[in-house]
């Protein structure tokens, strides 16, 4: 079965925004801990980079669609 989000830019945009939100939630969960292990710190950094990548994808797709966010 084909992934409809790949064919529909609006669905793709919604999926990217949901992924971005989930990454933000996970970053907040980790950051709220009183102490982060070195592995946790690496994970937070990785998640922040991934979140930024998703944001860039969202902005690019929105620009291509002519949607203002």
C-alpha atoms as a PDB file:
ATOM      1  CA  UNK A   1       0.000   0.000   0.000  1.00  0.00           C
ATOM      2  CA  UNK A   2       1.352   3.423  -0.933  1.00  0.00           C
ATOM      3  CA  UNK A   3       1.943   6.143   1.619  1.00  0.00           C
ATOM      4  CA  UNK A   4      -0.541   8.914   0.828  1.00  0.00           C
ATOM      5  CA  UNK A   5       1.552  11.518   2.665  1.00  0.00           C
ATOM      6  CA  UNK A   6       4.218  11.217  -0.030  1.00  0.00           C
ATOM      7  CA  UNK A   7       1.671  12.184  -2.698  1.00  0.00           C
ATOM      8  CA  UNK A   8      -0.258  14.876  -0.826  1.00  0.00           C
ATOM      9  CA  UNK A   9       1.811  17.916   0.205  1.00  0.00           C
ATOM     10  CA  UNK A  10      -0.758  18.982   2.798  1.00  0.00           C
ATOM     11  CA  UNK A  11      -0.695  15.561   4.467  1.00  0.00           C
ATOM     12  CA  UNK A  12       3.112  15.606   4.318  1.00  0.00           C
ATOM     13  CA  UNK A  13       3.136  19.028   5.969  1.00  0.00           C
ATOM     14  CA  UNK A  14       0.815  17.799   8.717  1.00  0.00           C
ATOM     15  CA  UNK A  15       2.977  14.706   9.260  1.00  0.00           C
ATOM     16  CA  UNK A  16       6.142  16.801   9.499  1.00  0.00           C
ATOM     17  CA  UNK A  17       4.508  19.151  11.999  1.00  0.00           C
ATOM     18  CA  UNK A  18       3.411  16.166  14.117  1.00  0.00           C
ATOM     19  CA  UNK A  19       6.929  14.681  14.009  1.00  0.00           C
ATOM     20  CA  UNK A  20       8.330  18.084  15.024  1.00  0.00           C
ATOM     21  CA  UNK A  21       5.879  18.283  17.935  1.00  0.00           C
ATOM     22  CA  UNK A  22       6.757  14.770  19.123  1.00  0.00           C
ATOM     23  CA  UNK A  23      10.472  15.578  19.007  1.00  0.00           C
ATOM     24  CA  UNK A  24       9.843  18.737  21.026  1.00  0.00           C
ATOM     25  CA  UNK A  25       7.892  16.741  23.608  1.00  0.00           C
ATOM     26  CA  UNK A  26      10.701  14.195  23.937  1.00  0.00           C
ATOM     27  CA  UNK A  27      13.324  16.943  24.281  1.00  0.00           C
ATOM     28  CA  UNK A  28      11.252  18.580  27.027  1.00  0.00           C
ATOM     29  CA  UNK A  29      10.852  15.251  28.830  1.00  0.00           C
ATOM     30  CA  UNK A  30      14.589  14.646  28.855  1.00  0.00           C
ATOM     31  CA  UNK A  31      15.451  18.249  29.706  1.00  0.00           C
ATOM     32  CA  UNK A  32      13.098  18.283  32.691  1.00  0.00           C
ATOM     33  CA  UNK A  33      15.167  15.657  34.473  1.00  0.00           C
ATOM     34  CA  UNK A  34      17.271  16.974  37.342  1.00  0.00           C
ATOM     35  CA  UNK A  35      20.358  15.262  35.920  1.00  0.00           C
ATOM     36  CA  UNK A  36      21.208  14.121  32.405  1.00  0.00           C
ATOM     37  CA  UNK A  37      23.657  11.307  31.879  1.00  0.00           C
ATOM     38  CA  UNK A  38      26.204  11.758  29.095  1.00  0.00           C
ATOM     39  CA  UNK A  39      24.054   9.447  26.948  1.00  0.00           C
ATOM     40  CA  UNK A  40      20.990  11.590  27.682  1.00  0.00           C
ATOM     41  CA  UNK A  41      22.925  14.725  26.722  1.00  0.00           C
ATOM     42  CA  UNK A  42      23.915  13.138  23.414  1.00  0.00           C
ATOM     43  CA  UNK A  43      20.306  12.081  22.842  1.00  0.00           C
ATOM     44  CA  UNK A  44      19.023  15.616  23.505  1.00  0.00           C
ATOM     45  CA  UNK A  45      21.565  17.037  21.054  1.00  0.00           C
ATOM     46  CA  UNK A  46      20.582  14.449  18.435  1.00  0.00           C
ATOM     47  CA  UNK A  47      16.883  15.166  18.911  1.00  0.00           C
ATOM     48  CA  UNK A  48      17.441  18.924  18.660  1.00  0.00           C
ATOM     49  CA  UNK A  49      19.265  18.481  15.343  1.00  0.00           C
ATOM     50  CA  UNK A  50      16.493  16.246  14.045  1.00  0.00           C
ATOM     51  CA  UNK A  51      13.865  18.744  15.213  1.00  0.00           C
ATOM     52  CA  UNK A  52      15.677  21.540  13.366  1.00  0.00           C
ATOM     53  CA  UNK A  53      15.843  19.388  10.233  1.00  0.00           C
ATOM     54  CA  UNK A  54      12.081  18.786  10.455  1.00  0.00           C
ATOM     55  CA  UNK A  55      11.502  22.530  10.884  1.00  0.00           C
ATOM     56  CA  UNK A  56      13.575  23.217   7.763  1.00  0.00           C
ATOM     57  CA  UNK A  57      11.556  20.620   5.840  1.00  0.00           C
ATOM     58  CA  UNK A  58       8.314  22.190   7.077  1.00  0.00           C
ATOM     59  CA  UNK A  59       9.406  25.666   6.005  1.00  0.00           C
ATOM     60  CA  UNK A  60      10.595  24.462   2.595  1.00  0.00           C
ATOM     61  CA  UNK A  61       7.397  22.531   1.892  1.00  0.00           C
ATOM     62  CA  UNK A  62       5.232  25.423   3.091  1.00  0.00           C
ATOM     63  CA  UNK A  63       7.118  27.799   0.790  1.00  0.00           C
ATOM     64  CA  UNK A  64       6.659  25.419  -2.146  1.00  0.00           C
ATOM     65  CA  UNK A  65       2.939  25.231  -1.381  1.00  0.00           C
ATOM     66  CA  UNK A  66       2.631  28.986  -0.935  1.00  0.00           C
ATOM     67  CA  UNK A  67       1.462  28.499   2.649  1.00  0.00           C
ATOM     68  CA  UNK A  68       2.449  31.029   5.279  1.00  0.00           C
ATOM     69  CA  UNK A  69       3.090  29.585   8.738  1.00  0.00           C
END
